[in-house]
PDB file of N, CA and C in Angstrom:
ATOM      1  N   MET A   1      85.901 124.497 100.067  1.00  0.00           N
ATOM      2  CA  MET A   1      85.335 123.404  99.427  1.00  0.00           C
ATOM      3  C   MET A   1      86.260 122.805  99.263  1.00  0.00           C
ATOM      4  N   MET A   2      87.012 121.257  99.701  1.00  0.00           N
ATOM      5  CA  MET A   2      87.940 120.881  99.036  1.00  0.00           C
ATOM      6  C   MET A   2      88.152 119.419  98.303  1.00  0.00           C
ATOM      7  N   ALA A   3      88.935 119.763  97.589  1.00  0.00           N
ATOM      8  CA  ALA A   3      88.448 118.780  95.644  1.00  0.00           C
ATOM      9  C   ALA A   3      88.663 117.009  96.103  1.00  0.00           C
ATOM     10  N   THR A   4      88.276 116.576  96.176  1.00  0.00           N
ATOM     11  CA  THR A   4      88.338 114.844  96.384  1.00  0.00           C
ATOM     12  C   THR A   4      89.603 114.143  95.604  1.00  0.00           C
ATOM     13  N   PRO A   5      90.672 113.772  95.959  1.00  0.00           N
ATOM     14  CA  PRO A   5      91.302 113.291  94.580  1.00  0.00           C
ATOM     15  C   PRO A   5      90.427 111.804  94.411  1.00  0.00           C
ATOM     16  N   VAL A   6      90.999 111.948  92.730  1.00  0.00           N
ATOM     17  CA  VAL A   6      90.070 110.776  91.901  1.00  0.00           C
ATOM     18  C   VAL A   6      91.007 109.826  92.386  1.00  0.00           C
ATOM     19  N   PRO A   7      90.544 108.347  92.120  1.00  0.00           N
ATOM     20  CA  PRO A   7      91.621 107.410  92.890  1.00  0.00           C
ATOM     21  C   PRO A   7      91.735 106.676  90.975  1.00  0.00           C
ATOM     22  N   ARG A   8      93.002 106.473  91.103  1.00  0.00           N
ATOM     23  CA  ARG A   8      93.330 106.072  89.697  1.00  0.00           C
ATOM     24  C   ARG A   8      93.461 104.286  90.074  1.00  0.00           C
ATOM     25  N   LEU A   9      92.308 103.509  89.057  1.00  0.00           N
ATOM     26  CA  LEU A   9      91.647 102.195  89.261  1.00  0.00           C
ATOM     27  C   LEU A   9      92.197 101.608  87.634  1.00  0.00           C
ATOM     28  N   ARG A  10      92.615 100.816  88.400  1.00  0.00           N
ATOM     29  CA  ARG A  10      93.654  99.926  86.733  1.00  0.00           C
ATOM     30  C   ARG A  10      92.841  97.983  86.640  1.00  0.00           C
ATOM     31  N   THR A  11      92.329  98.277  85.066  1.00  0.00           N
ATOM     32  CA  THR A  11      92.203  97.095  84.836  1.00  0.00           C
ATOM     33  C   THR A  11      93.462  96.211  85.056  1.00  0.00           C
ATOM     34  N   PRO A  12      93.102  94.898  85.334  1.00  0.00           N
ATOM     35  CA  PRO A  12      93.844  93.772  85.209  1.00  0.00           C
ATOM     36  C   PRO A  12      94.998  93.844  83.849  1.00  0.00           C
ATOM     37  N   GLY A  13      94.748  94.784  82.370  1.00  0.00           N
ATOM     38  CA  GLY A  13      95.591  94.050  81.805  1.00  0.00           C
ATOM     39  C   GLY A  13      96.562  95.363  81.870  1.00  0.00           C
ATOM     40  N   VAL A  14      96.271  96.488  82.563  1.00  0.00           N
ATOM     41  CA  VAL A  14      96.905  97.622  82.655  1.00  0.00           C
ATOM     42  C   VAL A  14      98.011  97.485  83.930  1.00  0.00           C
ATOM     43  N   ILE A  15      97.236  96.233  84.545  1.00  0.00           N
ATOM     44  CA  ILE A  15      98.382  96.256  85.979  1.00  0.00           C
ATOM     45  C   ILE A  15      98.721  95.129  85.134  1.00  0.00           C
ATOM     46  N   ALA A  16      99.823  94.007  84.528  1.00  0.00           N
ATOM     47  CA  ALA A  16     100.292  93.029  83.630  1.00  0.00           C
ATOM     48  C   ALA A  16     101.119  93.748  83.046  1.00  0.00           C
ATOM     49  N   ALA A  17     100.591  95.215  82.196  1.00  0.00           N
ATOM     50  CA  ALA A  17     101.514  95.953  81.910  1.00  0.00           C
ATOM     51  C   ALA A  17     102.504  96.505  82.802  1.00  0.00           C
ATOM     52  N   GLU A  18     101.909  97.454  83.598  1.00  0.00           N
ATOM     53  CA  GLU A  18     102.552  98.421  84.269  1.00  0.00           C
ATOM     54  C   GLU A  18     103.548  97.473  85.787  1.00  0.00           C
ATOM     55  N   LEU A  19     103.251  95.820  85.751  1.00  0.00           N
ATOM     56  CA  LEU A  19     104.418  95.223  86.332  1.00  0.00           C
ATOM     57  C   LEU A  19     105.208  94.118  85.511  1.00  0.00           C
ATOM     58  N   GLY A  20     105.028  94.391  84.186  1.00  0.00           N
ATOM     59  CA  GLY A  20     105.997  94.435  82.992  1.00  0.00           C
ATOM     60  C   GLY A  20     105.370  91.843  83.196  1.00  0.00           C
ATOM     61  N   GLU A  21     104.160  91.941  83.855  1.00  0.00           N
ATOM     62  CA  GLU A  21     104.260  90.647  83.783  1.00  0.00           C
ATOM     63  C   GLU A  21     102.674  90.209  82.252  1.00  0.00           C
ATOM     64  N   PRO A  22     102.567  89.294  82.068  1.00  0.00           N
ATOM     65  CA  PRO A  22     101.512  88.587  81.002  1.00  0.00           C
ATOM     66  C   PRO A  22     100.752  88.366  81.574  1.00  0.00           C
ATOM     67  N   LEU A  23      99.877  88.955  81.101  1.00  0.00           N
ATOM     68  CA  LEU A  23      98.407  89.044  81.063  1.00  0.00           C
ATOM     69  C   LEU A  23      97.893  87.397  82.700  1.00  0.00           C
ATOM     70  N   HIS A  24      98.490  86.642  81.662  1.00  0.00           N
ATOM     71  CA  HIS A  24      97.854  85.286  82.470  1.00  0.00           C
ATOM     72  C   HIS A  24      98.647  84.985  84.517  1.00  0.00           C
ATOM     73  N   ARG A  25      98.966  85.332  84.044  1.00  0.00           N
ATOM     74  CA  ARG A  25      99.948  85.640  85.702  1.00  0.00           C
ATOM     75  C   ARG A  25      99.119  86.374  86.682  1.00  0.00           C
ATOM     76  N   VAL A  26      98.529  87.748  86.211  1.00  0.00           N
ATOM     77  CA  VAL A  26      97.700  88.506  86.877  1.00  0.00           C
ATOM     78  C   VAL A  26      96.049  88.074  87.415  1.00  0.00           C
ATOM     79  N   LEU A  27      95.871  87.059  85.553  1.00  0.00           N
ATOM     80  CA  LEU A  27      94.416  86.554  85.297  1.00  0.00           C
ATOM     81  C   LEU A  27      94.709  85.378  87.143  1.00  0.00           C
ATOM     82  N   TYR A  28      95.669  84.739  87.111  1.00  0.00           N
ATOM     83  CA  TYR A  28      95.540  83.354  87.825  1.00  0.00           C
ATOM     84  C   TYR A  28      95.869  84.339  89.147  1.00  0.00           C
ATOM     85  N   VAL A  29      96.392  85.452  89.457  1.00  0.00           N
ATOM     86  CA  VAL A  29      96.380  85.896  91.258  1.00  0.00           C
ATOM     87  C   VAL A  29      95.294  86.288  91.671  1.00  0.00           C
ATOM     88  N   LEU A  30      94.550  87.398  90.360  1.00  0.00           N
ATOM     89  CA  LEU A  30      92.800  87.465  90.960  1.00  0.00           C
ATOM     90  C   LEU A  30      91.977  86.290  91.175  1.00  0.00           C
ATOM     91  N   ARG A  31      92.494  85.172  90.096  1.00  0.00           N
ATOM     92  CA  ARG A  31      91.418  83.838  90.465  1.00  0.00           C
ATOM     93  C   ARG A  31      91.782  83.415  92.154  1.00  0.00           C
ATOM     94  N   THR A  32      92.678  83.067  91.682  1.00  0.00           N
ATOM     95  CA  THR A  32      93.160  82.080  93.136  1.00  0.00           C
ATOM     96  C   THR A  32      93.107  83.008  94.318  1.00  0.00           C
ATOM     97  N   ARG A  33      93.802  84.108  94.219  1.00  0.00           N
ATOM     98  CA  ARG A  33      93.560  85.295  96.023  1.00  0.00           C
ATOM     99  C   ARG A  33      92.454  85.840  96.023  1.00  0.00           C
ATOM    100  N   ASP A  34      91.207  85.084  97.012  1.00  0.00           N
ATOM    101  CA  ASP A  34      89.809  85.872  97.133  1.00  0.00           C
ATOM    102  C   ASP A  34      89.960  86.817  97.900  1.00  0.00           C
ATOM    103  N   PHE A  35      90.934  87.547  98.740  1.00  0.00           N
ATOM    104  CA  PHE A  35      91.356  88.417  98.783  1.00  0.00           C
ATOM    105  C   PHE A  35      91.338  90.418  98.243  1.00  0.00           C
ATOM    106  N   ILE A  36      91.609  89.552  97.328  1.00  0.00           N
ATOM    107  CA  ILE A  36      92.176  91.172  96.464  1.00  0.00           C
ATOM    108  C   ILE A  36      90.980  90.801  95.759  1.00  0.00           C
ATOM    109  N   LYS A  37      89.759  92.057  95.918  1.00  0.00           N
ATOM    110  CA  LYS A  37      88.525  92.768  95.832  1.00  0.00           C
ATOM    111  C   LYS A  37      89.085  93.527  93.980  1.00  0.00           C
ATOM    112  N   PRO A  38      87.826  93.540  93.593  1.00  0.00           N
ATOM    113  CA  PRO A  38      88.131  95.496  92.585  1.00  0.00           C
ATOM    114  C   PRO A  38      87.504  96.593  93.795  1.00  0.00           C
ATOM    115  N   SER A  39      88.027  97.015  93.309  1.00  0.00           N
ATOM    116  CA  SER A  39      87.785  98.398  93.579  1.00  0.00           C
ATOM    117  C   SER A  39      86.215  98.654  93.445  1.00  0.00           C
ATOM    118  N   ALA A  40      86.223  98.607  92.744  1.00  0.00           N
ATOM    119  CA  ALA A  40      84.926  98.960  90.872  1.00  0.00           C
ATOM    120  C   ALA A  40      84.903  98.460  90.009  1.00  0.00           C
ATOM    121  N   THR A  41      83.331  98.434  89.726  1.00  0.00           N
ATOM    122  CA  THR A  41      83.341  98.001  88.404  1.00  0.00           C
ATOM    123  C   THR A  41      82.775  98.600  87.247  1.00  0.00           C
ATOM    124  N   ALA A  42      83.329  97.675  85.437  1.00  0.00           N
ATOM    125  CA  ALA A  42      82.781  99.383  84.656  1.00  0.00           C
ATOM    126  C   ALA A  42      82.460  98.743  83.767  1.00  0.00           C
ATOM    127  N   GLY A  43      81.086  98.241  83.804  1.00  0.00           N
ATOM    128  CA  GLY A  43      80.281  97.101  83.327  1.00  0.00           C
ATOM    129  C   GLY A  43      80.617  95.656  83.371  1.00  0.00           C
ATOM    130  N   ARG A  44      81.137  95.071  82.616  1.00  0.00           N
ATOM    131  CA  ARG A  44      82.082  93.818  83.430  1.00  0.00           C
ATOM    132  C   ARG A  44      83.629  94.301  83.902  1.00  0.00           C
ATOM    133  N   LEU A  45      84.043  95.182  83.413  1.00  0.00           N
ATOM    134  CA  LEU A  45      85.262  94.972  83.459  1.00  0.00           C
ATOM    135  C   LEU A  45      85.888  95.730  85.191  1.00  0.00           C
ATOM    136  N   ARG A  46      86.769  94.888  85.821  1.00  0.00           N
ATOM    137  CA  ARG A  46      87.099  95.394  87.483  1.00  0.00           C
ATOM    138  C   ARG A  46      87.746  96.064  87.342  1.00  0.00           C
ATOM    139  N   LEU A  47      87.985  97.068  88.096  1.00  0.00           N
ATOM    140  CA  LEU A  47      88.784  97.146  88.313  1.00  0.00           C
ATOM    141  C   LEU A  47      89.412  98.259  89.722  1.00  0.00           C
ATOM    142  N   PHE A  48      91.031  98.098  89.673  1.00  0.00           N
ATOM    143  CA  PHE A  48      91.731  97.740  90.679  1.00  0.00           C
ATOM    144  C   PHE A  48      92.472  98.614  91.722  1.00  0.00           C
ATOM    145  N   ASP A  49      92.244  99.548  92.410  1.00  0.00           N
ATOM    146  CA  ASP A  49      93.255 100.258  93.452  1.00  0.00           C
ATOM    147  C   ASP A  49      94.597 100.188  93.652  1.00  0.00           C
ATOM    148  N   SER A  50      95.765 100.766  93.973  1.00  0.00           N
ATOM    149  CA  SER A  50      97.096 101.098  94.336  1.00  0.00           C
ATOM    150  C   SER A  50      97.621  99.591  95.049  1.00  0.00           C
ATOM    151  N   GLN A  51      95.747  99.085  95.906  1.00  0.00           N
ATOM    152  CA  GLN A  51      96.292  98.408  97.676  1.00  0.00           C
ATOM    153  C   GLN A  51      96.611  97.184  96.397  1.00  0.00           C
ATOM    154  N   ALA A  52      95.186  96.657  95.738  1.00  0.00           N
ATOM    155  CA  ALA A  52      95.428  95.730  94.701  1.00  0.00           C
ATOM    156  C   ALA A  52      96.979  95.597  94.708  1.00  0.00           C
ATOM    157  N   VAL A  53      96.960  96.669  93.744  1.00  0.00           N
ATOM    158  CA  VAL A  53      98.354  96.150  92.876  1.00  0.00           C
ATOM    159  C   VAL A  53      99.207  95.669  93.930  1.00  0.00           C
ATOM    160  N   ALA A  54      99.936  96.092  95.016  1.00  0.00           N
ATOM    161  CA  ALA A  54     100.890  96.127  95.556  1.00  0.00           C
ATOM    162  C   ALA A  54     100.261  94.626  96.268  1.00  0.00           C
ATOM    163  N   MET A  55      99.130  93.920  96.448  1.00  0.00           N
ATOM    164  CA  MET A  55      98.719  92.637  96.713  1.00  0.00           C
ATOM    165  C   MET A  55      99.587  91.709  95.522  1.00  0.00           C
ATOM    166  N   ILE A  56      99.333  92.274  94.783  1.00  0.00           N
ATOM    167  CA  ILE A  56      99.464  91.396  92.997  1.00  0.00           C
ATOM    168  C   ILE A  56     100.920  91.677  93.069  1.00  0.00           C
ATOM    169  N   ARG A  57     100.929  92.414  93.310  1.00  0.00           N
ATOM    170  CA  ARG A  57     102.922  92.033  92.983  1.00  0.00           C
ATOM    171  C   ARG A  57     103.204  91.482  94.236  1.00  0.00           C
ATOM    172  N   GLN A  58     103.071  91.654  95.320  1.00  0.00           N
ATOM    173  CA  GLN A  58     103.807  90.373  96.297  1.00  0.00           C
ATOM    174  C   GLN A  58     102.690  88.820  95.922  1.00  0.00           C
ATOM    175  N   ALA A  59     102.462  88.903  95.344  1.00  0.00           N
ATOM    176  CA  ALA A  59     101.652  87.625  95.553  1.00  0.00           C
ATOM    177  C   ALA A  59     102.708  86.957  93.923  1.00  0.00           C
ATOM    178  N   LEU A  60     103.121  88.295  93.208  1.00  0.00           N
ATOM    179  CA  LEU A  60     103.959  87.304  91.928  1.00  0.00           C
ATOM    180  C   LEU A  60     105.484  87.063  92.430  1.00  0.00           C
ATOM    181  N   SER A  61     105.548  88.253  93.263  1.00  0.00           N
ATOM    182  CA  SER A  61     106.915  87.688  93.878  1.00  0.00           C
ATOM    183  C   SER A  61     106.828  86.134  94.627  1.00  0.00           C
ATOM    184  N   GLY A  62     106.334  86.015  95.768  1.00  0.00           N
ATOM    185  CA  GLY A  62     106.280  84.897  96.047  1.00  0.00           C
ATOM    186  C   GLY A  62     105.626  83.243  94.859  1.00  0.00           C
ATOM    187  N   ILE A  63     105.272  83.952  94.417  1.00  0.00           N
ATOM    188  CA  ILE A  63     105.019  82.252  93.657  1.00  0.00           C
ATOM    189  C   ILE A  63     106.930  82.221  92.473  1.00  0.00           C
ATOM    190  N   ASP A  64     107.789  83.246  92.308  1.00  0.00           N
ATOM    191  CA  ASP A  64     108.575  83.165  91.581  1.00  0.00           C
ATOM    192  C   ASP A  64     109.822  83.235  93.160  1.00  0.00           C
ATOM    193  N   ALA A  65     109.597  83.326  94.134  1.00  0.00           N
ATOM    194  CA  ALA A  65     110.497  82.912  95.319  1.00  0.00           C
ATOM    195  C   ALA A  65     110.069  81.000  95.539  1.00  0.00           C
ATOM    196  N   ARG A  66     109.085  80.457  95.248  1.00  0.00           N
ATOM    197  CA  ARG A  66     108.734  79.413  95.353  1.00  0.00           C
ATOM    198  C   ARG A  66     109.185  78.311  94.650  1.00  0.00           C
ATOM    199  N   LYS A  67     109.340  79.133  93.217  1.00  0.00           N
ATOM    200  CA  LYS A  67     109.696  78.416  91.727  1.00  0.00           C
ATOM    201  C   LYS A  67     111.436  78.157  91.927  1.00  0.00           C
ATOM    202  N   GLY A  68     112.102  78.911  92.865  1.00  0.00           N
ATOM    203  CA  GLY A  68     113.640  78.722  92.956  1.00  0.00           C
ATOM    204  C   GLY A  68     114.054  79.730  91.230  1.00  0.00           C
ATOM    205  N   PRO A  69     115.932  79.455  91.129  1.00  0.00           N
ATOM    206  CA  PRO A  69     116.229  80.436  90.273  1.00  0.00           C
ATOM    207  C   PRO A  69     115.508  79.505  88.839  1.00  0.00           C
ATOM    208  N   PRO A  70     115.988  80.321  87.772  1.00  0.00           N
ATOM    209  CA  PRO A  70     115.709  79.331  86.744  1.00  0.00           C
ATOM    210  C   PRO A  70     116.790  77.863  86.716  1.00  0.00           C
ATOM    211  N   HIS A  71     116.230  76.917  86.039  1.00  0.00           N
ATOM    212  CA  HIS A  71     117.704  76.377  85.497  1.00  0.00           C
ATOM    213  C   HIS A  71     117.948  75.753  83.865  1.00  0.00           C
ATOM    214  N   GLU A  72     119.041  75.941  83.239  1.00  0.00           N
ATOM    215  CA  GLU A  72     119.800  75.872  82.336  1.00  0.00           C
ATOM    216  C   GLU A  72     120.083  74.494  81.842  1.00  0.00           C
TER     217      GLU A  72
END
């Protein structure tokens, strides 16, 4: 019998820490991108898989690209 690998699911706070982003930016992406769905819930916590993390990273990169370089 083959063992099924246990998926690594993350909360928005853990995702923010992994990506080195403030939590409010990750929550903004999750609030405004309806296609990024949690893989599971634990009580009120939403848990996201690695595919969702990749979509969040891509959305944050897109936001940064649209903002342009920082002004001095």
